[in-house]
C-alpha cells in the first residue's frame, strides 16, 4: 500500500513539475541570443514588475477603502468634488510612470531599427508557402535557395508520431556565422508574410512590392526556429523558418559547398529530355510545390484550388499551361513560379501535369520552351 501511494505521489509530483515547466515555457519569451532580444526580454520583465506594483497599490487601496469605510461600522461618505490636489496627483504620477517606461522602450526600438553597416545582407522572400533566401552581401554573395517545410506528410496526417520539431523543420535552413551583423531584407511574391525568429528578437512583415529590413547578430551557435507570423493563406502554419548559427570556419565551408552545389546542378537549357525523364522529375517538383493546393490526386480543393485532372489548362495548349505556371493568375490563389523554379523544373512539372491522372496528352515540354516563354 505504501509503495502504491509513493508511486502515486511521485507521479503527481512529476506531472505537476512537467506542467509548471510547460507553463514557464509558454508564458515567457524564448532565451535571447542577441543583444536586442536581451533588451526586449529585460524590457518585458521591467514592464511586468511595474504593472505588478501598480496592481498591488491600486487594488490594495481600493480593498482597504472598501473595508475601512464600510457602512456597517458607521462610516459616512465624504461629500466633496473637484479636489485640485487629488487631480494633480493622479495626473502627475501616471505621467512620471509613462516617461519612465518610454525611455528604455525607445532606446530598444532605436537599436531594433539600426540596420546600418551589416557584415552580411540576405533577402528573404515570402512565397505561399516557403521562404526564398538570396545572399546579397558578404562572403556568401550569390548563394540563393528555397527553404520549405520538411515535416513528413504522414506526421501531419497523424499516421506516425509527431517529431521533436514538428512543423518547425525545413529542407534548407538559413546559415549565418556567429558574431556577425546580418541584415534581413524582407519582401513577398504573393501576399503579406512575416519573418519572425523569437530568439533573435526580430519580426518584420514581408509585403509584396515593398522591401523592409531588420537585423540580428547572434552571440551563440545553435539552431533557432521561427515561423511566418502573418495569416497568409491555407498553409500559413506550414511555413517555418530555421536559422543555423555556425562558426566562421563552418560558414566558409558551407558557402563553398553551396556554390559547388549550384555549379553541379546547372543544367543545359537546350538539353532534350525524354517524356519519362520529365515525368519522373516533374512528379517530385509537383509534390514539393503544387500538391498542397491541387492535392496529390490532382483533384484540387474547389473553389479555391482548381482540379488539374481533366482541366482545360492541363489538357489544352502547352503555351497557356506554361504561362500559368510561370506567371500565376491574378485574383486567384494561383501563385507565380517564375522566380521559384528553374526552366527545367517548370518544364518537368508541366509535363507531369499534362500526363498524370486522367490527363494523357503525350506532350513533353522542354526547358527551352519555358526559357522562350519567359521573354
Protein backbone atom coordinates (compact mmCIF):
# COMPACT_ATOMS: atom_id res chain seq x y z
CA UNK A 1 0.00 0.00 0.00
CA UNK A 2 2.78 2.40 0.92
CA UNK A 3 4.59 1.60 -2.36
CA UNK A 4 1.42 2.38 -4.35
CA UNK A 5 0.97 5.66 -2.51
CA UNK A 6 4.61 6.52 -3.10
CA UNK A 7 4.34 5.81 -6.82
CA UNK A 8 1.11 7.82 -7.00
CA UNK A 9 2.57 10.81 -5.15
CA UNK A 10 5.72 10.63 -7.27
CA UNK A 11 3.64 10.57 -10.43
CA UNK A 12 1.62 13.56 -9.26
CA UNK A 13 4.80 15.50 -8.48
CA UNK A 14 6.24 14.70 -11.91
CA UNK A 15 3.01 15.76 -13.60
CA UNK A 16 2.98 18.99 -11.59
CA UNK A 17 6.62 19.69 -12.43
CA UNK A 18 6.02 19.00 -16.13
CA UNK A 19 3.01 21.29 -16.08
CA UNK A 20 4.99 24.07 -14.42
CA UNK A 21 7.86 23.65 -16.88
CA UNK A 22 5.45 23.79 -19.79
CA UNK A 23 3.71 26.83 -18.34
CA UNK A 24 7.04 28.60 -17.84
CA UNK A 25 7.96 27.91 -21.48
CA UNK A 26 4.61 29.18 -22.75
CA UNK A 27 4.29 32.24 -20.54
CA UNK A 28 7.67 33.80 -21.19
CA UNK A 29 9.94 34.55 -24.13
CA UNK A 30 12.48 32.19 -25.63
CA UNK A 31 16.01 32.54 -24.27
CA UNK A 32 17.54 35.53 -26.14
CA UNK A 33 20.74 35.04 -28.15
CA UNK A 34 21.15 38.60 -29.46
CA UNK A 35 21.66 41.91 -27.68
CA UNK A 36 18.37 43.31 -28.98
CA UNK A 37 16.49 40.19 -27.92
CA UNK A 38 18.02 40.53 -24.43
CA UNK A 39 16.90 44.16 -24.26
CA UNK A 40 13.39 43.17 -25.35
CA UNK A 41 13.32 40.47 -22.67
CA UNK A 42 14.55 42.89 -19.96
CA UNK A 43 12.02 45.49 -21.11
CA UNK A 44 9.25 42.92 -20.94
CA UNK A 45 10.19 41.94 -17.38
CA UNK A 46 10.52 45.60 -16.30
CA UNK A 47 7.01 46.34 -17.58
CA UNK A 48 5.67 43.27 -15.81
CA UNK A 49 7.18 44.43 -12.49
CA UNK A 50 5.78 47.95 -12.93
CA UNK A 51 2.35 46.52 -13.76
CA UNK A 52 2.53 44.25 -10.71
CA UNK A 53 3.38 47.17 -8.39
CA UNK A 54 0.56 49.30 -9.86
CA UNK A 55 -1.86 46.39 -9.49
CA UNK A 56 -0.94 45.83 -5.85
CA UNK A 57 -1.11 49.54 -4.94
CA UNK A 58 -4.38 50.29 -6.74
CA UNK A 59 -6.23 47.20 -5.58
CA UNK A 60 -4.69 47.45 -2.11
CA UNK A 61 -6.03 51.00 -1.70
CA UNK A 62 -9.36 50.01 -3.18
CA UNK A 63 -9.90 46.98 -0.93
CA UNK A 64 -8.68 48.90 2.14
CA UNK A 65 -11.09 51.73 1.37
CA UNK A 66 -13.99 49.33 0.91
CA UNK A 67 -13.19 47.58 4.17
CA UNK A 68 -12.28 50.56 6.39
CA UNK A 69 -15.04 52.86 5.18
CA UNK A 70 -17.94 50.43 5.06
CA UNK A 71 -21.36 51.49 6.25
CA UNK A 72 -21.62 48.67 8.83
CA UNK A 73 -19.02 50.35 11.09
CA UNK A 74 -20.86 53.65 10.91
CA UNK A 75 -18.66 55.39 8.35
CA UNK A 76 -20.35 58.15 6.41
CA UNK A 77 -19.35 59.05 2.88
CA UNK A 78 -17.45 62.28 2.43
CA UNK A 79 -19.14 64.89 0.26
CA UNK A 80 -16.54 66.61 -1.91
CA UNK A 81 -15.66 67.06 -5.60
CA UNK A 82 -13.15 68.87 -7.80
CA UNK A 83 -10.28 68.31 -5.39
CA UNK A 84 -7.33 70.01 -7.14
CA UNK A 85 -4.69 68.18 -5.08
CA UNK A 86 -6.11 64.75 -5.90
CA UNK A 87 -6.42 65.58 -9.61
CA UNK A 88 -2.80 66.77 -9.75
CA UNK A 89 -1.61 63.61 -8.01
CA UNK A 90 -3.44 61.20 -10.29
CA UNK A 91 -2.22 63.11 -13.34
CA UNK A 92 1.44 63.57 -12.37
CA UNK A 93 2.09 60.03 -11.08
CA UNK A 94 0.91 58.23 -14.28
CA UNK A 95 2.85 60.76 -16.38
CA UNK A 96 6.06 60.01 -14.47
CA UNK A 97 5.43 56.27 -14.81
CA UNK A 98 4.85 56.55 -18.57
CA UNK A 99 8.01 58.59 -19.10
CA UNK A 100 9.97 56.05 -17.07
CA UNK A 101 8.60 53.25 -19.25
CA UNK A 102 9.05 55.12 -22.55
CA UNK A 103 12.76 55.78 -22.09
CA UNK A 104 14.00 52.15 -22.16
CA UNK A 105 11.34 51.24 -24.75
CA UNK A 106 12.51 53.99 -27.12
CA UNK A 107 16.15 53.00 -26.63
CA UNK A 108 15.36 49.38 -27.54
CA UNK A 109 13.24 50.41 -30.53
CA UNK A 110 16.06 52.56 -31.93
CA UNK A 111 18.52 49.67 -31.56
CA UNK A 112 16.00 47.34 -33.23
CA UNK A 113 15.83 49.61 -36.29
CA UNK A 114 19.59 50.21 -36.70
CA UNK A 115 20.39 48.12 -39.79
CA UNK A 116 23.49 50.12 -40.74
CA UNK A 117 26.91 48.58 -41.55
CA UNK A 118 25.92 44.90 -41.83
CA UNK A 119 28.50 42.19 -42.43
CA UNK A 120 26.00 40.11 -44.41
CA UNK A 121 22.83 41.09 -46.26
CA UNK A 122 20.20 38.47 -47.09
CA UNK A 123 16.94 38.97 -48.92
CA UNK A 124 14.11 36.82 -47.53
CA UNK A 125 11.21 36.49 -49.95
CA UNK A 126 7.94 35.01 -48.71
CA UNK A 127 6.04 32.65 -51.01
CA UNK A 128 2.90 30.62 -50.43
CA UNK A 129 4.24 28.70 -48.51
CA UNK A 130 8.01 28.75 -48.30
CA UNK A 131 10.90 31.21 -47.97
CA UNK A 132 13.44 32.14 -50.62
CA UNK A 133 16.87 33.35 -49.47
CA UNK A 134 19.30 35.38 -51.57
CA UNK A 135 22.72 36.31 -50.12
CA UNK A 136 23.38 39.80 -51.48
CA UNK A 137 26.41 40.95 -49.50
CA UNK A 138 29.20 39.22 -47.63
CA UNK A 139 31.13 36.01 -48.08
CA UNK A 140 28.08 34.11 -49.33
CA UNK A 141 27.18 36.61 -52.06
CA UNK A 142 25.49 34.82 -54.95
CA UNK A 143 24.10 31.94 -52.89
CA UNK A 144 20.34 31.53 -53.30
CA UNK A 145 17.90 28.76 -52.41
CA UNK A 146 14.35 27.97 -51.30
CA UNK A 147 13.52 26.75 -47.81
CA UNK A 148 10.36 24.68 -47.38
CA UNK A 149 8.74 22.59 -44.65
CA UNK A 150 10.48 19.24 -44.13
CA UNK A 151 8.00 17.62 -41.71
CA UNK A 152 6.79 14.37 -43.34
CA UNK A 153 3.18 14.28 -44.54
CA UNK A 154 2.48 11.12 -42.53
CA UNK A 155 3.14 13.10 -39.32
CA UNK A 156 0.89 15.94 -40.45
CA UNK A 157 -1.92 13.46 -41.19
CA UNK A 158 -1.42 11.64 -37.85
CA UNK A 159 -0.22 8.44 -39.50
CA UNK A 160 3.01 8.50 -37.48
CA UNK A 161 4.02 10.09 -34.14
CA UNK A 162 4.96 13.77 -34.26
CA UNK A 163 8.69 14.53 -34.39
CA UNK A 164 10.58 16.70 -31.91
CA UNK A 165 10.49 19.74 -34.22
CA UNK A 166 7.08 19.12 -35.74
CA UNK A 167 6.23 21.86 -38.27
CA UNK A 168 9.46 23.68 -37.33
CA UNK A 169 11.92 21.88 -39.64
CA UNK A 170 12.97 22.75 -43.18
CA UNK A 171 14.88 21.17 -46.02
CA UNK A 172 17.31 24.11 -46.45
CA UNK A 173 17.94 26.22 -43.33
CA UNK A 174 19.33 29.75 -43.41
CA UNK A 175 23.01 29.59 -42.36
CA UNK A 176 24.90 32.55 -40.85
CA UNK A 177 28.15 32.95 -38.89
CA UNK A 178 28.17 33.69 -35.18
CA UNK A 179 29.08 37.21 -34.09
CA UNK A 180 28.34 38.83 -37.47
CA UNK A 181 25.70 41.50 -38.09
CA UNK A 182 23.13 40.10 -40.52
CA UNK A 183 20.70 42.42 -42.28
CA UNK A 184 17.49 40.77 -43.48
CA UNK A 185 15.59 42.41 -46.34
CA UNK A 186 12.02 41.15 -46.43
CA UNK A 187 9.58 41.15 -49.33
CA UNK A 188 6.93 38.80 -50.73
CA UNK A 189 5.91 37.34 -54.05
CA UNK A 190 2.17 36.97 -53.44
CA UNK A 191 0.57 38.00 -50.14
CA UNK A 192 1.81 39.52 -46.87
CA UNK A 193 4.07 37.25 -44.84
CA UNK A 194 6.12 37.98 -41.70
CA UNK A 195 9.69 36.92 -40.86
CA UNK A 196 9.75 36.05 -37.14
CA UNK A 197 12.55 34.42 -35.12
CA UNK A 198 11.82 34.91 -31.38
CA UNK A 199 15.31 34.08 -30.09
CA UNK A 200 16.74 36.91 -32.22
CA UNK A 201 14.05 39.41 -31.22
CA UNK A 202 13.13 40.08 -34.86
CA UNK A 203 9.73 40.21 -36.54
CA UNK A 204 9.35 42.03 -39.86
CA UNK A 205 6.47 41.92 -42.33
CA UNK A 206 7.24 40.82 -45.90
CA UNK A 207 4.96 42.83 -48.19
CA UNK A 208 4.60 42.39 -51.99
CA UNK A 209 6.11 45.36 -53.84
CA UNK A 210 7.93 46.69 -50.75
CA UNK A 211 11.31 45.99 -49.15
CA UNK A 212 11.51 46.18 -45.36
CA UNK A 213 14.54 45.36 -43.25
CA UNK A 214 15.61 44.12 -39.85
CA UNK A 215 18.83 42.73 -38.38
CA UNK A 216 20.38 40.43 -35.82
CA UNK A 217 23.80 39.41 -34.54
CA UNK A 218 23.71 36.03 -32.85
CA UNK A 219 26.11 35.64 -29.93
CA UNK A 220 25.74 31.87 -29.63
CA UNK A 221 25.99 29.00 -32.09
CA UNK A 222 22.96 26.79 -32.46
CA UNK A 223 19.75 26.16 -34.37
CA UNK A 224 16.97 28.71 -33.92
CA UNK A 225 13.44 28.32 -35.18
CA UNK A 226 10.68 30.72 -36.11
CA UNK A 227 7.59 30.93 -38.32
CA UNK A 228 5.68 33.17 -40.64
CA UNK A 229 3.68 35.30 -38.21
CA UNK A 230 1.14 36.69 -40.67
CA UNK A 231 -2.01 34.87 -41.76
CA UNK A 232 -1.01 34.20 -45.37
CA UNK A 233 -3.37 31.51 -46.60
CA UNK A 234 -4.24 27.84 -46.33
CA UNK A 235 -0.79 26.60 -45.33
CA UNK A 236 0.20 29.54 -43.12
CA UNK A 237 1.01 27.11 -40.31
CA UNK A 238 3.39 25.16 -42.57
CA UNK A 239 5.89 27.95 -43.27
CA UNK A 240 8.69 27.65 -40.69
CA UNK A 241 12.00 29.50 -40.51
CA UNK A 242 15.16 27.72 -39.36
CA UNK A 243 18.43 29.59 -38.85
CA UNK A 244 21.66 27.74 -38.15
CA UNK A 245 24.31 29.90 -36.47
CA UNK A 246 27.73 28.35 -37.01
CA UNK A 247 31.39 29.25 -36.53
CA UNK A 248 33.05 31.44 -39.20
CA UNK A 249 35.07 28.42 -40.37
CA UNK A 250 31.98 26.25 -40.83
CA UNK A 251 30.20 29.12 -42.56
CA UNK A 252 33.04 29.42 -45.09
CA UNK A 253 32.82 25.67 -45.73
CA UNK A 254 29.04 25.91 -46.16
CA UNK A 255 29.32 28.77 -48.66
CA UNK A 256 31.85 26.79 -50.70
CA UNK A 257 29.62 23.72 -50.66
CA UNK A 258 26.59 25.76 -51.76
CA UNK A 259 28.44 27.33 -54.68
CA UNK A 260 29.76 23.92 -55.75
CA UNK A 261 26.25 22.51 -55.49
CA UNK A 262 24.86 25.26 -57.72
CA UNK A 263 27.59 24.70 -60.29
CA UNK A 264 26.99 20.94 -60.31
CA UNK A 265 23.23 21.37 -60.64
CA UNK A 266 23.47 23.77 -63.58
CA UNK A 267 21.60 22.22 -66.48
CA UNK A 268 21.84 22.88 -70.18
CA UNK A 269 18.58 24.64 -71.12
CA UNK A 270 18.92 23.23 -74.64
CA UNK A 271 19.05 19.62 -73.48
CA UNK A 272 16.29 17.43 -74.88
CA UNK A 273 14.65 15.36 -72.16
CA UNK A 274 12.62 12.24 -72.74
CA UNK A 275 8.98 12.12 -71.67
CA UNK A 276 9.78 9.56 -68.96
CA UNK A 277 12.62 11.70 -67.55
CA UNK A 278 10.44 14.80 -67.43
CA UNK A 279 7.57 12.94 -65.75
CA UNK A 280 9.84 11.45 -63.09
CA UNK A 281 11.38 14.83 -62.29
CA UNK A 282 8.03 16.61 -62.57
CA UNK A 283 6.41 14.33 -60.03
CA UNK A 284 8.96 15.42 -57.41
CA UNK A 285 8.57 19.11 -58.29
CA UNK A 286 4.78 18.76 -58.12
CA UNK A 287 4.91 17.06 -54.69
CA UNK A 288 7.13 19.83 -53.30
CA UNK A 289 5.34 22.84 -54.79
CA UNK A 290 1.85 22.02 -56.05
CA UNK A 291 0.36 19.10 -54.11
CA UNK A 292 -0.52 21.20 -51.05
CA UNK A 293 -3.16 23.06 -53.08
CA UNK A 294 -4.01 20.81 -56.00
CA UNK A 295 -3.63 17.57 -54.00
CA UNK A 296 -1.59 14.50 -54.94
CA UNK A 297 -4.61 13.18 -56.81
CA UNK A 298 -4.90 16.32 -58.94
CA UNK A 299 -8.48 16.83 -57.72
CA UNK A 300 -7.72 20.17 -56.05
CA UNK A 301 -9.83 21.83 -53.36
CA UNK A 302 -12.53 23.72 -55.30
CA UNK A 303 -13.41 26.53 -55.45
CA UNK A 304 -10.13 27.96 -54.06
CA UNK A 305 -7.78 25.46 -55.72
CA UNK A 306 -8.86 24.14 -59.08
CA UNK A 307 -8.58 20.50 -60.10
CA UNK A 308 -5.85 19.70 -62.63
CA UNK A 309 -7.16 16.26 -63.51
CA UNK A 310 -9.13 16.87 -66.71
CA UNK A 311 -8.74 20.66 -66.56
CA UNK A 312 -8.71 22.84 -69.69
CA UNK A 313 -5.28 24.20 -68.76
CA UNK A 314 -3.64 20.79 -68.30
CA UNK A 315 -5.21 19.29 -71.42
CA UNK A 316 -5.21 22.39 -73.66
CA UNK A 317 -2.38 24.23 -75.36
CA UNK A 318 1.11 23.97 -73.89
CA UNK A 319 1.78 27.70 -74.15
CA UNK A 320 -1.16 28.63 -71.90
CA UNK A 321 -0.14 25.96 -69.37
CA UNK A 322 3.47 27.19 -69.23
CA UNK A 323 2.30 30.80 -68.88
CA UNK A 324 0.01 29.85 -65.98
CA UNK A 325 2.85 28.19 -64.04
CA UNK A 326 5.32 30.98 -64.81
CA UNK A 327 3.09 33.96 -64.06
CA UNK A 328 0.19 32.66 -61.99
CA UNK A 329 -3.31 34.08 -62.32
CA UNK A 330 -4.29 37.46 -60.91
CA UNK A 331 -7.22 37.46 -58.50
CA UNK A 332 -6.82 33.79 -57.63
CA UNK A 333 -4.69 31.68 -55.28
CA UNK A 334 -2.52 30.52 -58.20
CA UNK A 335 0.97 31.86 -57.46
CA UNK A 336 3.69 32.69 -60.00
CA UNK A 337 6.62 30.25 -60.01
CA UNK A 338 8.90 32.12 -62.44
CA UNK A 339 11.24 33.18 -59.62
CA UNK A 340 10.92 29.97 -57.63
CA UNK A 341 11.60 27.24 -60.18
CA UNK A 342 14.14 26.76 -62.94
CA UNK A 343 13.26 26.29 -66.60
CA UNK A 344 13.87 22.57 -66.25
CA UNK A 345 11.70 22.28 -63.12
CA UNK A 346 8.81 24.13 -64.78
CA UNK A 347 9.13 22.06 -67.95
CA UNK A 348 9.10 18.90 -65.86
CA UNK A 349 6.09 19.81 -63.71
CA UNK A 350 4.06 20.99 -66.72
CA UNK A 351 4.88 17.71 -68.48
CA UNK A 352 3.85 15.76 -65.39
CA UNK A 353 0.54 17.61 -65.03
CA UNK A 354 -0.28 17.03 -68.70
CA UNK A 355 0.32 13.28 -68.42
CA UNK A 356 -0.70 12.36 -64.85
CA UNK A 357 -4.00 11.06 -63.52
CA UNK A 358 -6.53 11.10 -66.36
CA UNK A 359 -4.53 13.56 -68.45
CA UNK A 360 -2.90 11.69 -71.30
CA UNK A 361 -1.79 14.37 -73.76
CA UNK A 362 1.54 12.71 -74.52
CA UNK A 363 3.17 16.18 -74.51
CA UNK A 364 6.80 16.60 -73.42
CA UNK A 365 7.60 20.23 -72.55
CA UNK A 366 11.31 21.06 -72.95
CA UNK A 367 13.26 23.65 -70.85
CA UNK A 368 13.95 25.66 -73.99
CA UNK A 369 10.20 26.23 -74.40
CA UNK A 370 9.97 27.60 -70.86
CA UNK A 371 13.03 29.81 -71.43
CA UNK A 372 11.41 31.25 -74.53
CA UNK A 373 8.15 31.89 -72.66
CA UNK A 374 9.97 33.98 -70.03
CA UNK A 375 10.90 36.63 -72.58
